[in-house]
Protein backbone atom coordinates (compact mmCIF):
# COMPACT_ATOMS: atom_id res chain seq x y z
CA MET A 1 -11.19 -37.27 69.68
CA LYS A 2 -12.34 -33.98 69.77
CA ARG A 3 -15.51 -32.40 69.91
CA TYR A 4 -15.99 -31.63 65.83
CA LEU A 5 -19.53 -31.26 66.13
CA ALA A 6 -20.39 -29.61 69.73
CA ALA A 7 -21.20 -26.30 67.92
CA PHE A 8 -23.18 -27.89 64.84
CA PHE A 9 -25.48 -27.81 67.82
CA VAL A 10 -25.90 -23.95 67.81
CA LEU A 11 -28.89 -22.92 65.70
CA VAL A 12 -28.74 -19.94 63.25
CA SER A 13 -31.52 -17.21 64.09
CA ILE A 14 -31.50 -15.08 60.64
CA SER A 15 -33.90 -14.15 58.53
CA TRP A 16 -34.18 -16.78 55.38
CA GLY A 17 -33.02 -15.29 52.23
CA ARG A 18 -33.98 -17.39 48.63
CA THR A 19 -36.94 -15.87 46.63
CA PRO A 20 -40.32 -15.49 48.20
CA ASP A 21 -41.44 -18.95 47.02
CA GLY A 22 -38.25 -20.92 48.34
CA PHE A 23 -36.69 -21.07 45.00
CA LEU A 24 -32.44 -20.51 45.20
CA ASP A 25 -31.55 -16.51 44.71
CA LEU A 26 -28.21 -15.18 44.00
CA ILE A 27 -26.42 -18.04 45.64
CA LEU A 28 -26.76 -21.35 44.29
CA LEU A 29 -24.37 -23.48 45.61
CA PRO A 30 -24.09 -24.07 48.85
CA ASN A 31 -27.31 -24.52 50.52
CA ASN A 32 -29.70 -26.45 52.93
CA GLY A 33 -29.77 -29.17 50.71
CA ILE A 34 -25.84 -29.27 49.85
CA PRO A 35 -23.98 -27.59 52.46
CA SER A 36 -20.36 -27.01 52.54
CA ILE A 37 -18.36 -28.86 55.65
CA ILE A 38 -14.94 -27.23 56.05
CA LYS A 39 -11.85 -27.27 57.48
CA GLN A 40 -10.48 -24.08 59.07
CA GLY A 41 -8.21 -22.44 56.39
CA GLU A 42 -9.65 -24.54 53.49
CA ARG A 43 -11.01 -23.23 50.58
CA LEU A 44 -14.87 -22.33 50.20
CA HIS A 45 -16.74 -23.02 46.84
CA ILE A 46 -19.60 -21.00 45.91
CA GLN A 47 -21.41 -20.67 42.77
CA ALA A 48 -23.81 -17.74 42.36
CA ARG A 49 -25.73 -15.25 39.91
CA ARG A 50 -23.55 -12.42 40.64
CA LYS A 51 -20.79 -10.82 42.23
CA GLY A 52 -21.15 -9.26 45.28
CA GLU A 53 -19.79 -9.22 48.84
CA VAL A 54 -19.97 -12.19 50.96
CA MET A 55 -19.90 -13.13 54.55
CA LEU A 56 -20.51 -16.44 56.53
CA VAL A 57 -23.40 -15.06 59.30
CA ARG A 58 -24.55 -17.25 62.74
CA ALA A 59 -26.67 -14.92 65.39
CA ASP A 60 -24.38 -11.34 65.37
CA LYS A 61 -21.11 -12.73 64.38
CA ARG A 62 -20.10 -11.68 60.54
CA PHE A 63 -17.54 -12.86 58.76
CA PRO A 64 -16.42 -11.70 55.25
CA LEU A 65 -15.14 -13.84 52.51
CA ASN A 66 -12.49 -12.98 49.81
CA VAL A 67 -13.45 -14.24 47.36
CA ASP A 68 -11.81 -15.09 43.65
CA TRP A 69 -14.76 -15.38 40.71
CA LYS A 70 -14.43 -16.79 37.62
CA GLU A 71 -17.42 -16.40 34.89
CA MET A 72 -19.13 -20.28 34.11
CA PRO A 73 -20.87 -20.68 31.03
CA GLY A 74 -24.65 -19.40 31.30
CA GLY A 75 -23.67 -16.79 32.83
CA LEU A 76 -22.68 -18.06 36.19
CA LEU A 77 -20.33 -17.47 38.32
CA SER A 78 -18.09 -19.46 40.54
CA GLY A 79 -15.91 -18.28 43.80
CA THR A 80 -13.35 -19.41 46.10
CA ALA A 81 -12.72 -18.29 49.23
CA GLU A 82 -10.70 -19.58 52.43
CA ILE A 83 -11.71 -19.82 55.67
CA PRO A 84 -10.27 -17.78 57.92
CA GLN A 85 -8.23 -19.35 60.98
CA ASP A 86 -10.12 -17.40 63.56
CA VAL A 87 -13.80 -18.71 61.77
CA ASP A 88 -15.48 -20.28 65.21
CA VAL A 89 -16.29 -24.60 64.46
CA GLY A 90 -20.07 -24.19 63.82
CA SER A 91 -23.33 -23.61 61.39
CA TYR A 92 -23.13 -20.30 59.44
CA ALA A 93 -25.57 -19.25 56.46
CA LEU A 94 -24.08 -17.82 53.58
CA GLU A 95 -25.26 -14.16 52.55
CA LEU A 96 -24.07 -11.98 48.93
CA VAL A 97 -24.87 -8.31 49.09
CA ALA A 98 -25.18 -7.32 45.60
CA ASP A 99 -28.31 -5.09 44.05
CA HIS A 100 -30.10 -7.04 46.60
CA THR A 101 -29.19 -9.79 49.95
CA ASP A 102 -29.22 -13.21 50.07
CA ARG A 103 -28.72 -15.29 52.00
CA ASN A 104 -28.53 -19.25 52.43
CA SER A 105 -29.20 -20.89 55.81
CA ARG A 106 -27.19 -23.75 57.22
CA ALA A 107 -24.92 -23.36 54.18
CA VAL A 108 -21.87 -23.74 55.32
CA TYR A 109 -20.43 -26.06 58.56
CA VAL A 110 -16.58 -25.33 59.66
CA VAL A 111 -15.26 -27.98 61.94
CA LYS A 112 -11.52 -28.62 63.04
CA GLU A 113 -11.07 -31.78 62.14
CA PHE A 114 -12.63 -34.80 60.28
CA PRO A 115 -13.32 -37.69 62.23
CA LYS A 116 -11.70 -40.96 61.44
CA GLU A 117 -15.18 -43.03 62.47
CA TYR A 118 -19.00 -41.61 62.54
CA THR A 119 -22.06 -42.11 61.72
CA VAL A 120 -24.61 -40.90 59.34
CA VAL A 121 -28.78 -40.43 59.55
CA HIS A 122 -30.62 -41.79 56.23
CA ILE A 123 -34.05 -40.62 55.56
CA THR A 124 -36.04 -40.96 52.62
CA ASP A 125 -39.41 -40.71 51.24
CA ILE A 126 -41.06 -38.13 53.46
CA HIS A 127 -43.50 -37.12 50.72
CA ILE A 128 -44.10 -33.19 51.82
CA GLY A 129 -47.39 -32.20 50.96
CA SER A 130 -49.14 -35.70 51.17
CA ASN A 131 -52.14 -36.55 52.74
CA ARG A 132 -51.53 -40.41 53.57
CA HIS A 133 -51.95 -40.67 56.89
CA PRO A 134 -54.28 -39.24 59.60
CA LYS A 135 -51.25 -37.12 61.02
CA PRO A 136 -50.10 -34.24 58.08
CA SER A 137 -46.71 -35.16 56.69
CA GLU A 138 -45.38 -32.08 57.62
CA THR A 139 -46.26 -32.86 61.53
CA ILE A 140 -44.22 -35.96 61.17
CA PHE A 141 -41.48 -34.31 59.48
CA ARG A 142 -41.22 -31.72 61.98
CA GLU A 143 -41.47 -34.68 65.08
CA LEU A 144 -39.01 -36.68 62.99
CA ALA A 145 -36.06 -34.05 62.75
CA THR A 146 -36.58 -33.28 66.83
CA ARG A 147 -36.43 -37.00 67.22
CA VAL A 148 -33.65 -37.31 65.04
CA ASN A 149 -31.69 -34.24 66.80
CA GLU A 150 -32.38 -35.64 69.87
CA LYS A 151 -30.91 -38.90 69.15
CA CYS A 152 -27.81 -37.34 67.94
CA ARG A 153 -27.01 -35.03 70.62
CA GLN A 154 -27.51 -38.44 72.82
CA ILE A 155 -25.62 -39.98 70.88
CA ASP A 156 -22.25 -37.22 71.07
CA LEU A 157 -22.95 -36.51 74.87
CA ASP A 158 -22.19 -40.78 75.61
CA TRP A 159 -19.52 -40.53 73.51
CA GLN A 160 -17.73 -37.70 75.35
CA SER A 161 -18.44 -39.49 78.69
CA ASN A 162 -16.69 -42.23 77.15
CA GLN A 163 -13.73 -40.17 75.76
CA ARG A 164 -13.82 -38.53 79.38
CA GLN A 165 -13.11 -41.82 81.36
CA GLU A 166 -9.97 -42.86 79.08
CA GLY A 167 -9.77 -46.58 79.18
CA SER A 168 -11.98 -47.50 82.31
CA THR A 169 -15.22 -48.29 79.83
CA SER A 170 -15.55 -52.08 79.51
CA GLU A 171 -14.72 -53.59 76.12
CA ALA A 172 -18.76 -54.56 76.07
CA GLN A 173 -19.16 -51.01 76.85
CA THR A 174 -16.92 -49.80 74.19
CA ALA A 175 -17.61 -51.19 71.63
CA GLU A 176 -21.88 -50.73 71.86
CA LEU A 177 -21.06 -46.91 71.65
CA ILE A 178 -21.73 -45.32 68.43
CA PRO A 179 -19.65 -42.79 67.15
CA PRO A 180 -21.19 -39.02 66.80
CA VAL A 181 -23.03 -37.93 63.55
CA ALA A 182 -21.81 -36.03 61.06
CA PHE A 183 -24.75 -35.04 58.72
CA VAL A 184 -28.46 -36.38 57.14
CA LEU A 185 -29.18 -37.71 54.19
CA ILE A 186 -32.08 -37.31 52.81
CA THR A 187 -32.74 -39.79 49.39
CA GLY A 188 -35.73 -38.28 47.63
CA ASP A 189 -39.42 -38.15 47.54
CA LEU A 190 -39.21 -34.85 49.36
CA THR A 191 -42.53 -33.85 48.31
CA GLU A 192 -45.76 -35.64 47.45
CA GLY A 193 -46.17 -33.92 44.17
CA GLY A 194 -42.97 -31.35 42.76
CA GLU A 195 -45.51 -28.07 43.77
CA PRO A 196 -43.31 -24.38 44.41
CA VAL A 197 -45.08 -24.87 48.49
CA GLN A 198 -44.33 -28.29 48.73
CA PHE A 199 -40.68 -27.10 48.51
CA GLN A 200 -40.94 -24.10 50.18
CA THR A 201 -42.42 -26.21 53.24
CA LEU A 202 -39.39 -28.49 52.59
CA VAL A 203 -36.75 -25.91 52.59
CA GLU A 204 -38.05 -24.28 56.18
CA LEU A 205 -38.20 -27.72 57.91
CA LEU A 206 -34.97 -28.61 56.84
CA ASP A 207 -33.77 -25.73 58.68
CA LEU A 208 -34.75 -27.76 61.85
CA PHE A 209 -31.86 -30.04 61.88
CA GLU A 210 -28.91 -29.48 63.71
CA LEU A 211 -26.65 -31.34 61.81
CA PRO A 212 -26.10 -30.99 57.72
CA THR A 213 -28.82 -32.07 55.06
CA PHE A 214 -28.01 -33.45 51.47
CA VAL A 215 -30.55 -34.29 49.49
CA CYS A 216 -31.38 -35.74 45.93
CA ALA A 217 -34.55 -35.92 43.70
CA GLY A 218 -36.77 -38.72 43.65
CA ASN A 219 -39.71 -39.17 41.07
CA HIS A 220 -42.04 -37.45 43.28
CA ASP A 221 -40.50 -34.54 43.10
CA ARG A 222 -40.06 -34.17 39.25
CA ASN A 223 -42.62 -31.30 38.23
CA SER A 224 -41.35 -29.15 36.07
CA LEU A 225 -38.07 -27.82 36.99
CA ASN A 226 -38.94 -27.07 40.67
CA TYR A 227 -36.16 -29.15 42.39
CA GLU A 228 -33.31 -28.05 40.34
CA LYS A 229 -34.96 -24.00 41.14
CA THR A 230 -34.68 -24.98 45.15
CA PHE A 231 -31.27 -27.59 45.46
CA ASP A 232 -29.45 -26.52 41.82
CA GLN A 233 -27.98 -29.74 41.29
CA LEU A 234 -29.61 -33.18 40.64
CA THR A 235 -26.26 -34.63 40.41
CA TYR A 236 -23.58 -34.32 42.98
CA TYR A 237 -20.58 -34.95 45.25
CA PHE A 238 -18.50 -33.91 48.39
CA HIS A 239 -15.82 -35.18 49.96
CA PHE A 240 -16.03 -35.70 54.57
CA GLY A 241 -12.41 -36.14 55.38
CA SER A 242 -11.22 -39.43 53.55
CA ASP A 243 -14.30 -40.41 51.85
CA GLY A 244 -16.11 -39.63 49.01
CA PHE A 245 -20.04 -39.38 48.75
CA LEU A 246 -22.02 -39.43 45.23
CA PHE A 247 -25.72 -38.36 44.89
CA PHE A 248 -27.21 -39.12 41.62
CA ASP A 249 -30.74 -38.66 39.83
CA THR A 250 -32.98 -41.29 39.44
CA LYS A 251 -36.36 -40.76 37.55
CA ASP A 252 -39.10 -42.99 37.05
CA PHE A 253 -39.96 -44.93 34.27
CA LEU A 254 -36.28 -43.45 32.33
CA ILE A 255 -33.63 -44.42 35.12
CA ALA A 256 -30.48 -42.62 34.96
CA ASP A 257 -32.32 -41.58 31.93
CA GLU A 258 -28.96 -42.32 29.56
CA ALA A 259 -30.56 -39.54 27.00
CA GLY A 260 -29.05 -36.84 29.60
CA PRO A 261 -25.83 -35.62 31.12
CA GLN A 262 -26.02 -37.45 33.89
CA ASP A 263 -23.87 -40.31 32.29
CA GLY A 264 -21.16 -38.26 31.60
CA LEU A 265 -20.68 -36.47 34.99
CA LEU A 266 -21.33 -39.84 36.87
CA GLU A 267 -18.00 -41.20 35.32
CA ARG A 268 -16.31 -37.40 36.52
CA TYR A 269 -17.30 -37.59 39.70
CA ARG A 270 -17.04 -40.94 40.48
CA ASP A 271 -13.25 -40.69 39.17
CA ALA A 272 -12.93 -37.72 41.62
CA ILE A 273 -13.91 -39.84 44.40
CA MET A 274 -11.47 -42.83 43.46
CA PRO A 275 -8.98 -42.23 46.17
CA ALA A 276 -11.54 -41.73 49.01
CA ARG A 277 -10.92 -44.44 51.10
CA TRP A 278 -14.88 -45.24 51.46
CA SER A 279 -16.67 -44.23 47.54
CA ILE A 280 -20.30 -44.04 48.85
CA GLY A 281 -23.47 -43.28 46.69
CA ALA A 282 -26.69 -42.39 47.51
CA THR A 283 -29.98 -42.12 44.98
CA HIS A 284 -34.00 -42.30 45.72
CA ARG A 285 -34.43 -45.47 43.62
CA TYR A 286 -31.94 -47.99 42.35
CA ASP A 287 -33.64 -50.46 40.08
CA PRO A 288 -31.32 -53.25 37.90
CA THR A 289 -32.90 -51.61 34.63
CA MET A 290 -30.89 -48.05 35.07
CA GLY A 291 -28.79 -47.20 32.52
CA MET A 292 -26.31 -49.34 31.73
CA ARG A 293 -23.50 -47.09 31.25
CA SER A 294 -24.06 -45.80 34.93
CA GLN A 295 -24.57 -49.13 35.88
CA LEU A 296 -20.94 -49.64 34.29
CA THR A 297 -19.08 -47.03 36.27
CA LEU A 298 -21.29 -47.59 39.25
CA PHE A 299 -20.58 -51.13 40.05
CA VAL A 300 -18.95 -52.62 37.28
CA ASP A 301 -15.71 -50.65 36.35
CA LYS A 302 -15.34 -49.20 39.54
CA PRO A 303 -17.66 -50.09 42.11
CA LEU A 304 -19.17 -47.89 45.24
CA ASP A 305 -18.70 -49.46 48.54
CA PHE A 306 -22.01 -48.90 49.25
CA LEU A 307 -25.28 -47.47 48.43
CA PHE A 308 -28.06 -45.54 50.01
CA TYR A 309 -31.29 -45.54 48.70
CA GLY A 310 -35.26 -45.60 49.88
CA HIS A 311 -38.31 -45.13 47.36
CA VAL A 312 -39.54 -48.98 48.55
CA HIS A 313 -41.40 -47.93 51.52
CA ARG A 314 -39.74 -51.37 53.06
CA GLU A 315 -36.74 -52.72 54.05
CA ALA A 316 -34.49 -54.56 51.97
CA LYS A 317 -35.40 -58.10 50.38
CA PRO A 318 -32.33 -60.25 51.25
CA GLU A 319 -31.78 -60.13 47.43
CA GLU A 320 -31.42 -56.76 47.06
CA ARG A 321 -29.24 -56.26 49.88
CA VAL A 322 -25.97 -56.19 47.20
CA VAL A 323 -26.57 -54.85 43.86
CA PRO A 324 -27.35 -58.00 41.51
CA TRP A 325 -24.32 -57.85 39.20
CA GLY A 326 -21.49 -56.25 41.51
CA THR A 327 -20.27 -56.34 45.57
CA THR A 328 -21.96 -52.94 46.29
CA PRO A 329 -23.95 -53.34 49.86
CA VAL A 330 -27.26 -51.66 49.87
CA CYS A 331 -28.68 -50.26 52.47
CA ILE A 332 -32.96 -49.61 52.22
CA THR A 333 -34.63 -47.77 54.29
CA PRO A 334 -38.17 -47.88 55.10
CA ALA A 335 -40.05 -44.09 54.56
CA GLY A 336 -39.54 -41.24 56.60
CA ILE A 337 -43.50 -40.70 56.17
CA ASP A 338 -44.22 -43.45 58.22
CA GLY A 339 -41.83 -42.30 61.22
CA ALA A 340 -38.80 -43.84 60.32
CA TYR A 341 -34.99 -42.93 59.72
CA ARG A 342 -32.03 -44.65 60.08
CA LEU A 343 -28.36 -44.63 61.24
CA VAL A 344 -25.42 -45.84 59.85
CA THR A 345 -21.71 -46.07 61.02
CA VAL A 346 -18.82 -45.27 58.97
CA PHE A 347 -15.96 -47.55 61.07
CA GLU A 348 -11.83 -47.69 59.20
CA ASN A 349 -12.98 -51.02 58.29
CA ARG A 350 -16.48 -51.67 57.34
CA ILE A 351 -19.95 -49.56 56.85
CA LEU A 352 -22.44 -50.71 59.55
CA PRO A 353 -26.32 -50.34 58.88
CA HIS A 354 -28.33 -50.28 62.32
CA ALA A 355 -31.60 -51.19 62.96
CA THR A 356 -34.55 -49.39 61.80
CA GLU A 357 -36.37 -46.88 64.06
CA ILE A 358 -39.40 -46.26 64.22
CA ALA A 359 -39.53 -42.55 66.14
CA VAL A 360 -42.84 -40.59 65.21
CA SER A 361 -46.37 -42.11 65.40
CA ILE A 362 -48.32 -41.35 61.92
CA GLN A 363 -51.46 -40.77 63.85
């Protein structure tokens, strides 16, 4: 397998865009909470408030993109642009220049190929802005990002070392190897109270990760529209190679509220990832009382193959390891605010959650 992750470890050392309070400005998507992982030669999808000159930016390299724009309802714009074949593999900011310059950091990750087997990091309930432990939440998350980066680098080095040995390693040793990590999922309660300053801190801390970070909202994040102003979409999906990932929003008290637009989106997005090898869901909180239409869509009529979530700050009980009226396996990871994260490996024939790792002291 080629080193599809190698250049991801080059950090983007450029100025930060968005508005002064950390909200999205000219570019809505992709951003560092909903990035795009894309192959050379494929078309990048962009949503923006205005047309302008668009380019990929990393350190001193700038790659202009020729964007085809279309108007969307509400005055927004949708654009597509081909990623040139000569763009280096790695992490990029996306920059748009209109009457002023806006730049979303870590918004685009260019790869040569998608792996057949890979690992993801699951983090949840980081609660930026909370004071529940002696150590500040920002410090815990900063240290957690550092530990995750170190772990991902070591996994990649071990994998490459084994590949270079070309069969000299025993079958038992090979079975213990973990495929390289592709991205990080952070499933809700990103903040303690959904305050703008907490989201601003979160956005800055996300850029500590060397791999793409995909987020969704939790009940603690639902203060006004601050989550949407920071990451734009509550419900979205993306493809990673032959697999499909569907992120959806679960609110406190009104879980997957059937009075809103999400039910229709879930049907559309579930159909969009239906041909995928694996259809994987991620949300903050799953509960048997969530809306019936959503339950039927995701777990009965076209059941997801796997579901990530958090919220409960603990390991799953035996009865929580599968959706009650379906076949979808569930992975609950304990809280990031308590120093925890989990690796989950996606193989061709199974999805394997590893044991929770407590990487950071909260004292």
